[in-house]
């Protein structure tokens, strides 16, 4: 993979309006305004088949109230992830299809009054805490303008705005150590931070700002500073992001940290170049036993797609090979590790990783 050449192309992305530090319409598109095709016809066909199989699995998990999953725990987060996964492959709430109905019902569930607290918090009603709050907020920001009518669009806007405000208030909590400033952890009033929770909040802020919500530049700057403190060099030209500042890099956290830096406009940052080199050696096929494999592969696919060029093409093949080996007969993906044992979570992350080039979600657009 020609990382140096691929990273050179990042400079041209600096003025793309869909990134976190620049406000843009929710439906900003690439110049070609369409999906970037998979070059290999066989891989393209097999990818579509795997996505369709996974779509049927997720739809089968829908409950009578519109939520996804048969457990109360993490219900908001799983429903939000399913919405993003279905939209990422081209389905819309306005579609007169079974997929469209699943999306409408799921979105109506998330928009219920009992799902979000008076303070704007989505993590309290399903126990998903700030991790789930970031996922749900990201989904709402991505869905702005995609509601079934103007009334629902206005409600999505209000819910997203309140959720973004909670993320911003949480970031302003004085942390117990300076190294944690700018980040987030599992509770809104947490006084420490980790990269996993932080990146979900940062992705939500990026999506919110791109959709026109009020996200102060200093909030992005402080989050970037936290990411910088989470980076550690591992070799002459490479390094990665750790779970907390001071910890060593891993495949999953490096993938997440690299993407977060990119969506904040840090294209030429030396840590982005170092992380790209690290991921050149720590690919999905080499990390299938990682306890955060699906989380990492989702961010890996998105990060390398933003890099573009040969790096993006090579990454797409790595993702396809890794996920082809692990899909179950019912269309789901799952893991033996505690962190990703929920098949709805793993399936959504796998679908999102396979769907980056479709461009249907604003967050996927370069």
Protein backbone atom coordinates (compact mmCIF):
# COMPACT_ATOMS: atom_id res chain seq x y z
CA UNK A 1 0.00 0.00 0.00
CA UNK A 2 1.45 3.39 -0.96
CA UNK A 3 0.65 5.27 2.22
CA UNK A 4 2.79 8.33 1.43
CA UNK A 5 1.13 8.80 -1.96
CA UNK A 6 -2.32 8.21 -0.54
CA UNK A 7 -1.82 10.67 2.29
CA UNK A 8 -0.68 13.29 -0.21
CA UNK A 9 -4.23 13.32 -1.55
CA UNK A 10 -5.58 14.34 1.86
CA UNK A 11 -4.46 17.92 1.29
CA UNK A 12 -7.10 18.29 -1.40
CA UNK A 13 -9.79 17.36 1.12
CA UNK A 14 -9.14 20.39 3.31
CA UNK A 15 -11.98 22.45 1.87
CA UNK A 16 -14.61 19.69 1.75
CA UNK A 17 -17.61 21.15 3.52
CA UNK A 18 -18.92 18.00 5.10
CA UNK A 19 -16.16 17.75 7.68
CA UNK A 20 -16.49 18.57 11.33
CA UNK A 21 -14.86 21.94 11.38
CA UNK A 22 -16.95 23.38 8.54
CA UNK A 23 -20.70 23.83 8.49
CA UNK A 24 -22.43 22.26 5.49
CA UNK A 25 -25.85 21.14 4.32
CA UNK A 26 -26.90 17.71 5.53
CA UNK A 27 -26.97 16.38 1.97
CA UNK A 28 -23.57 17.54 0.74
CA UNK A 29 -22.38 15.11 -1.93
CA UNK A 30 -19.14 14.05 -3.57
CA UNK A 31 -18.40 15.62 -6.92
CA UNK A 32 -19.44 12.40 -8.68
CA UNK A 33 -22.67 12.38 -6.63
CA UNK A 34 -22.86 8.61 -6.58
CA UNK A 35 -21.41 5.44 -5.10
CA UNK A 36 -17.79 4.61 -5.76
CA UNK A 37 -18.02 1.15 -7.35
CA UNK A 38 -16.07 -1.88 -6.18
CA UNK A 39 -13.72 -2.69 -9.05
CA UNK A 40 -13.82 -6.49 -8.66
CA UNK A 41 -17.21 -7.69 -10.02
CA UNK A 42 -17.15 -10.88 -7.95
CA UNK A 43 -16.36 -9.02 -4.75
CA UNK A 44 -19.02 -6.43 -5.57
CA UNK A 45 -21.69 -9.09 -6.04
CA UNK A 46 -20.69 -10.99 -2.92
CA UNK A 47 -20.67 -7.79 -0.87
CA UNK A 48 -24.20 -6.96 -1.98
CA UNK A 49 -25.34 -10.49 -1.11
CA UNK A 50 -23.83 -10.28 2.36
CA UNK A 51 -25.41 -6.89 2.96
CA UNK A 52 -28.82 -8.17 1.84
CA UNK A 53 -28.51 -11.19 4.13
CA UNK A 54 -27.58 -8.94 7.05
CA UNK A 55 -30.44 -6.57 6.25
CA UNK A 56 -32.95 -9.42 6.56
CA UNK A 57 -31.41 -10.41 9.89
CA UNK A 58 -31.70 -6.90 11.33
CA UNK A 59 -35.27 -6.49 10.14
CA UNK A 60 -36.18 -9.74 11.89
CA UNK A 61 -35.02 -8.24 15.20
CA UNK A 62 -37.62 -5.45 15.09
CA UNK A 63 -40.05 -5.37 18.03
CA UNK A 64 -43.69 -4.28 18.12
CA UNK A 65 -42.71 -0.88 19.53
CA UNK A 66 -40.31 -0.23 16.65
CA UNK A 67 -37.12 -0.84 18.61
CA UNK A 68 -34.47 -3.33 17.55
CA UNK A 69 -33.51 -6.19 19.83
CA UNK A 70 -35.21 -8.24 22.50
CA UNK A 71 -33.31 -6.82 25.47
CA UNK A 72 -34.05 -3.53 27.18
CA UNK A 73 -30.36 -2.89 27.71
CA UNK A 74 -28.87 -0.72 24.96
CA UNK A 75 -32.19 -0.56 23.07
CA UNK A 76 -31.70 3.06 21.97
CA UNK A 77 -28.18 2.39 20.75
CA UNK A 78 -29.06 -0.81 18.86
CA UNK A 79 -32.04 0.84 17.20
CA UNK A 80 -29.93 3.85 16.19
CA UNK A 81 -27.17 1.63 14.77
CA UNK A 82 -29.70 -0.37 12.79
CA UNK A 83 -31.16 2.81 11.31
CA UNK A 84 -27.71 3.95 10.22
CA UNK A 85 -26.88 0.51 8.77
CA UNK A 86 -30.07 0.39 6.68
CA UNK A 87 -29.72 3.97 5.46
CA UNK A 88 -26.05 3.35 4.64
CA UNK A 89 -27.06 0.77 2.03
CA UNK A 90 -29.67 2.98 0.40
CA UNK A 91 -32.95 2.53 2.30
CA UNK A 92 -35.02 5.53 3.44
CA UNK A 93 -37.84 6.01 5.97
CA UNK A 94 -40.04 7.24 3.13
CA UNK A 95 -39.63 4.01 1.13
CA UNK A 96 -42.80 1.95 0.70
CA UNK A 97 -40.91 -1.24 1.49
CA UNK A 98 -40.39 -3.49 4.52
CA UNK A 99 -37.03 -1.79 5.02
CA UNK A 100 -38.71 1.62 4.94
CA UNK A 101 -41.22 0.50 7.56
CA UNK A 102 -38.43 -0.76 9.81
CA UNK A 103 -36.76 2.63 9.51
CA UNK A 104 -39.96 4.57 10.20
CA UNK A 105 -40.81 2.46 13.23
CA UNK A 106 -37.27 2.65 14.58
CA UNK A 107 -37.06 6.40 14.14
CA UNK A 108 -40.44 6.88 15.82
CA UNK A 109 -39.19 4.79 18.74
CA UNK A 110 -36.07 6.94 19.21
CA UNK A 111 -38.17 10.12 18.98
CA UNK A 112 -40.51 9.06 21.78
CA UNK A 113 -40.56 11.38 24.81
CA UNK A 114 -39.50 8.59 27.17
CA UNK A 115 -36.30 7.85 25.25
CA UNK A 116 -34.54 11.17 25.92
CA UNK A 117 -34.28 12.83 29.33
CA UNK A 118 -35.21 16.44 29.98
CA UNK A 119 -31.47 17.20 29.90
CA UNK A 120 -31.18 15.72 26.40
CA UNK A 121 -29.57 12.44 27.49
CA UNK A 122 -30.26 9.24 25.52
CA UNK A 123 -28.02 7.00 27.59
CA UNK A 124 -30.21 6.90 30.70
CA UNK A 125 -33.35 5.15 29.40
CA UNK A 126 -31.59 2.06 28.03
CA UNK A 127 -28.47 1.96 30.18
CA UNK A 128 -26.14 2.60 27.25
CA UNK A 129 -24.73 5.72 28.96
CA UNK A 130 -22.58 8.14 26.96
CA UNK A 131 -21.46 5.41 24.56
CA UNK A 132 -25.04 4.88 23.41
CA UNK A 133 -25.80 8.58 23.64
CA UNK A 134 -23.05 9.31 21.11
CA UNK A 135 -24.35 6.65 18.73
CA UNK A 136 -27.95 7.87 18.97
CA UNK A 137 -26.95 11.50 18.56
CA UNK A 138 -24.85 10.64 15.50
CA UNK A 139 -27.82 8.86 13.97
CA UNK A 140 -30.17 11.78 14.58
CA UNK A 141 -27.72 14.25 13.06
CA UNK A 142 -27.30 12.00 10.02
CA UNK A 143 -31.08 11.75 9.63
CA UNK A 144 -31.71 15.49 9.64
CA UNK A 145 -33.69 16.20 6.50
CA UNK A 146 -34.57 12.52 6.00
CA UNK A 147 -37.75 12.45 8.07
CA UNK A 148 -41.10 11.43 6.63
CA UNK A 149 -42.43 15.00 6.75
CA UNK A 150 -41.58 18.51 7.95
CA UNK A 151 -43.03 17.87 11.39
CA UNK A 152 -40.80 14.87 11.98
CA UNK A 153 -37.79 16.71 10.58
CA UNK A 154 -38.42 19.48 13.13
CA UNK A 155 -38.64 16.92 15.94
CA UNK A 156 -35.42 15.24 14.82
CA UNK A 157 -33.78 18.69 14.88
CA UNK A 158 -34.96 19.41 18.43
CA UNK A 159 -33.89 16.01 19.74
CA UNK A 160 -30.49 16.24 18.03
CA UNK A 161 -29.91 19.77 19.26
CA UNK A 162 -30.63 18.78 22.87
CA UNK A 163 -28.39 15.73 22.55
CA UNK A 164 -25.52 17.80 21.11
CA UNK A 165 -25.89 20.33 23.94
CA UNK A 166 -25.52 17.53 26.49
CA UNK A 167 -22.32 16.34 24.79
CA UNK A 168 -20.92 19.87 24.94
CA UNK A 169 -21.84 20.30 28.62
CA UNK A 170 -20.26 16.97 29.45
CA UNK A 171 -17.01 17.95 27.76
CA UNK A 172 -16.83 21.10 29.88
CA UNK A 173 -16.78 19.10 33.15
CA UNK A 174 -13.41 19.69 34.80
CA UNK A 175 -11.50 16.41 34.65
CA UNK A 176 -9.45 15.09 37.54
CA UNK A 177 -6.28 15.12 35.40
CA UNK A 178 -5.28 17.44 32.57
CA UNK A 179 -4.64 14.50 30.24
CA UNK A 180 -8.38 13.77 30.21
CA UNK A 181 -9.51 17.30 29.31
CA UNK A 182 -11.42 17.54 26.05
CA UNK A 183 -12.63 13.94 26.16
CA UNK A 184 -15.62 11.98 27.40
CA UNK A 185 -16.34 8.80 29.33
CA UNK A 186 -19.38 6.77 30.28
CA UNK A 187 -21.29 9.30 32.37
CA UNK A 188 -22.14 12.91 31.45
CA UNK A 189 -20.43 14.18 34.62
CA UNK A 190 -17.38 11.86 34.35
CA UNK A 191 -14.06 13.36 35.40
CA UNK A 192 -11.94 11.14 33.19
CA UNK A 193 -12.09 10.07 29.52
CA UNK A 194 -11.32 7.27 27.09
CA UNK A 195 -10.90 7.20 23.34
CA UNK A 196 -13.77 4.83 22.57
CA UNK A 197 -16.48 6.98 24.14
CA UNK A 198 -14.78 10.17 22.98
CA UNK A 199 -14.80 9.25 19.30
CA UNK A 200 -18.56 8.56 19.29
CA UNK A 201 -19.19 12.01 20.79
CA UNK A 202 -16.81 13.62 18.33
CA UNK A 203 -18.44 11.90 15.36
CA UNK A 204 -21.80 13.17 16.62
CA UNK A 205 -20.43 16.71 16.92
CA UNK A 206 -18.97 16.48 13.42
CA UNK A 207 -22.29 15.30 11.99
CA UNK A 208 -24.19 17.95 13.93
CA UNK A 209 -21.96 20.75 12.71
CA UNK A 210 -22.18 19.48 9.13
CA UNK A 211 -25.97 19.58 9.46
CA UNK A 212 -25.94 23.17 10.70
CA UNK A 213 -26.23 22.70 14.46
CA UNK A 214 -24.26 24.96 16.80
CA UNK A 215 -20.96 23.25 17.64
CA UNK A 216 -18.29 25.69 18.87
CA UNK A 217 -14.87 25.39 17.26
CA UNK A 218 -13.22 25.24 20.67
CA UNK A 219 -15.08 22.01 21.46
CA UNK A 220 -13.53 20.39 18.38
CA UNK A 221 -10.11 21.84 19.22
CA UNK A 222 -10.22 20.47 22.76
CA UNK A 223 -11.24 17.04 21.52
CA UNK A 224 -8.37 17.03 19.02
CA UNK A 225 -5.96 17.91 21.82
CA UNK A 226 -7.26 14.92 23.78
CA UNK A 227 -6.70 12.67 20.77
CA UNK A 228 -3.16 13.98 20.41
CA UNK A 229 -2.45 13.00 24.02
CA UNK A 230 -3.80 9.50 23.29
CA UNK A 231 -1.20 8.89 20.58
CA UNK A 232 2.02 6.96 21.12
CA UNK A 233 4.85 6.34 18.68
CA UNK A 234 5.72 2.69 18.07
CA UNK A 235 8.46 3.02 15.48
CA UNK A 236 10.44 5.45 13.39
CA UNK A 237 7.50 6.60 11.28
CA UNK A 238 4.50 4.90 12.81
CA UNK A 239 2.38 5.07 15.92
CA UNK A 240 -1.16 4.68 17.07
CA UNK A 241 -3.86 5.75 19.47
CA UNK A 242 -4.44 4.10 22.81
CA UNK A 243 -7.57 3.58 24.88
CA UNK A 244 -6.41 6.27 27.31
CA UNK A 245 -3.55 8.78 27.19
CA UNK A 246 -0.35 6.96 28.07
CA UNK A 247 -1.53 3.53 26.91
CA UNK A 248 -0.16 1.72 23.89
CA UNK A 249 -1.95 1.61 20.54
CA UNK A 250 -4.28 -1.10 19.30
CA UNK A 251 -5.93 -1.82 15.97
CA UNK A 252 -9.38 -0.65 17.09
CA UNK A 253 -8.36 2.51 18.94
CA UNK A 254 -5.88 3.52 16.24
CA UNK A 255 -8.57 3.16 13.58
CA UNK A 256 -11.01 5.25 15.62
CA UNK A 257 -8.46 7.90 16.53
CA UNK A 258 -7.25 8.26 12.97
CA UNK A 259 -10.74 8.77 11.59
CA UNK A 260 -11.57 11.27 14.33
CA UNK A 261 -8.50 13.31 13.43
CA UNK A 262 -9.45 13.24 9.75
CA UNK A 263 -13.02 14.40 10.24
CA UNK A 264 -11.64 17.29 12.28
CA UNK A 265 -9.55 18.40 9.34
CA UNK A 266 -6.18 17.16 10.59
CA UNK A 267 -5.16 15.79 7.18
CA UNK A 268 -1.48 16.64 7.36
CA UNK A 269 -1.02 15.89 11.05
CA UNK A 270 1.99 13.67 11.66
CA UNK A 271 -0.14 11.45 13.91
CA UNK A 272 -2.47 10.70 11.00
CA UNK A 273 0.50 9.63 8.88
CA UNK A 274 1.85 7.53 11.74
CA UNK A 275 -1.51 5.86 12.33
CA UNK A 276 -1.84 5.06 8.60
CA UNK A 277 1.52 3.34 8.69
CA UNK A 278 0.49 1.41 11.80
CA UNK A 279 -2.72 0.23 10.14
CA UNK A 280 -0.79 -0.84 7.07
CA UNK A 281 0.64 -3.58 9.32
CA UNK A 282 -2.40 -4.10 11.56
CA UNK A 283 -5.16 -4.91 9.08
CA UNK A 284 -8.59 -6.45 9.85
CA UNK A 285 -7.50 -9.90 8.65
CA UNK A 286 -4.65 -9.80 11.15
CA UNK A 287 -6.83 -8.62 14.02
CA UNK A 288 -9.87 -10.90 13.87
CA UNK A 289 -9.29 -11.97 17.48
CA UNK A 290 -9.25 -8.39 18.75
CA UNK A 291 -11.91 -7.91 21.41
CA UNK A 292 -13.09 -4.76 19.59
CA UNK A 293 -12.77 -6.22 16.09
CA UNK A 294 -16.08 -4.95 14.63
CA UNK A 295 -15.72 -1.54 16.24
CA UNK A 296 -12.21 -1.28 14.87
CA UNK A 297 -13.10 -2.50 11.39
CA UNK A 298 -15.92 0.06 11.11
CA UNK A 299 -13.49 2.89 11.85
CA UNK A 300 -10.71 1.30 9.79
CA UNK A 301 -12.94 1.20 6.71
CA UNK A 302 -14.05 4.80 7.17
CA UNK A 303 -10.55 6.12 7.90
CA UNK A 304 -8.87 4.43 4.96
CA UNK A 305 -11.70 5.50 2.65
CA UNK A 306 -11.00 9.09 3.65
CA UNK A 307 -7.32 8.54 2.82
CA UNK A 308 -8.34 7.44 -0.68
CA UNK A 309 -6.26 6.01 -3.50
CA UNK A 310 -4.52 2.67 -3.20
CA UNK A 311 -4.86 2.73 0.59
CA UNK A 312 -8.63 2.83 0.30
CA UNK A 313 -8.78 0.07 -2.32
CA UNK A 314 -6.48 -2.20 -0.31
CA UNK A 315 -8.49 -1.56 2.85
CA UNK A 316 -11.75 -2.42 1.12
CA UNK A 317 -10.35 -5.80 0.11
CA UNK A 318 -9.06 -6.42 3.65
CA UNK A 319 -12.46 -5.58 5.14
CA UNK A 320 -14.28 -7.81 2.65
CA UNK A 321 -11.98 -10.76 3.31
CA UNK A 322 -12.18 -10.42 7.09
CA UNK A 323 -15.96 -10.03 7.25
CA UNK A 324 -16.63 -12.76 4.68
CA UNK A 325 -15.03 -15.25 7.03
CA UNK A 326 -17.15 -14.34 10.04
CA UNK A 327 -20.74 -13.85 8.80
CA UNK A 328 -23.14 -16.41 10.26
CA UNK A 329 -25.71 -18.48 8.37
CA UNK A 330 -28.57 -16.24 9.57
CA UNK A 331 -26.85 -13.16 8.11
CA UNK A 332 -25.53 -11.82 11.40
CA UNK A 333 -22.04 -11.24 12.64
CA UNK A 334 -21.09 -11.94 16.23
CA UNK A 335 -18.11 -12.28 18.54
CA UNK A 336 -17.03 -14.46 21.42
CA UNK A 337 -15.70 -11.39 23.20
CA UNK A 338 -17.87 -9.77 25.84
CA UNK A 339 -17.64 -6.29 24.32
CA UNK A 340 -19.10 -7.36 20.97
CA UNK A 341 -21.19 -10.41 21.79
CA UNK A 342 -24.45 -8.63 20.85
CA UNK A 343 -25.05 -9.80 17.24
CA UNK A 344 -27.10 -6.69 16.43
CA UNK A 345 -24.14 -4.48 17.34
CA UNK A 346 -21.63 -6.61 15.43
CA UNK A 347 -23.92 -6.89 12.39
CA UNK A 348 -24.53 -3.16 12.20
CA UNK A 349 -20.83 -2.39 12.48
CA UNK A 350 -20.00 -4.93 9.78
CA UNK A 351 -22.68 -3.55 7.44
CA UNK A 352 -21.45 0.00 7.97
CA UNK A 353 -17.88 -1.09 7.25
CA UNK A 354 -18.97 -2.75 4.00
CA UNK A 355 -21.08 0.25 2.97
CA UNK A 356 -18.60 3.12 3.14
CA UNK A 357 -18.40 3.60 -0.64
CA UNK A 358 -22.17 3.89 -1.08
CA UNK A 359 -22.09 7.52 0.17
CA UNK A 360 -25.71 7.37 1.36
CA UNK A 361 -24.84 8.63 4.86
CA UNK A 362 -23.42 12.17 4.89
CA UNK A 363 -20.68 11.06 7.28
CA UNK A 364 -19.29 8.70 4.62
CA UNK A 365 -18.77 11.45 2.07
CA UNK A 366 -15.26 12.75 1.52
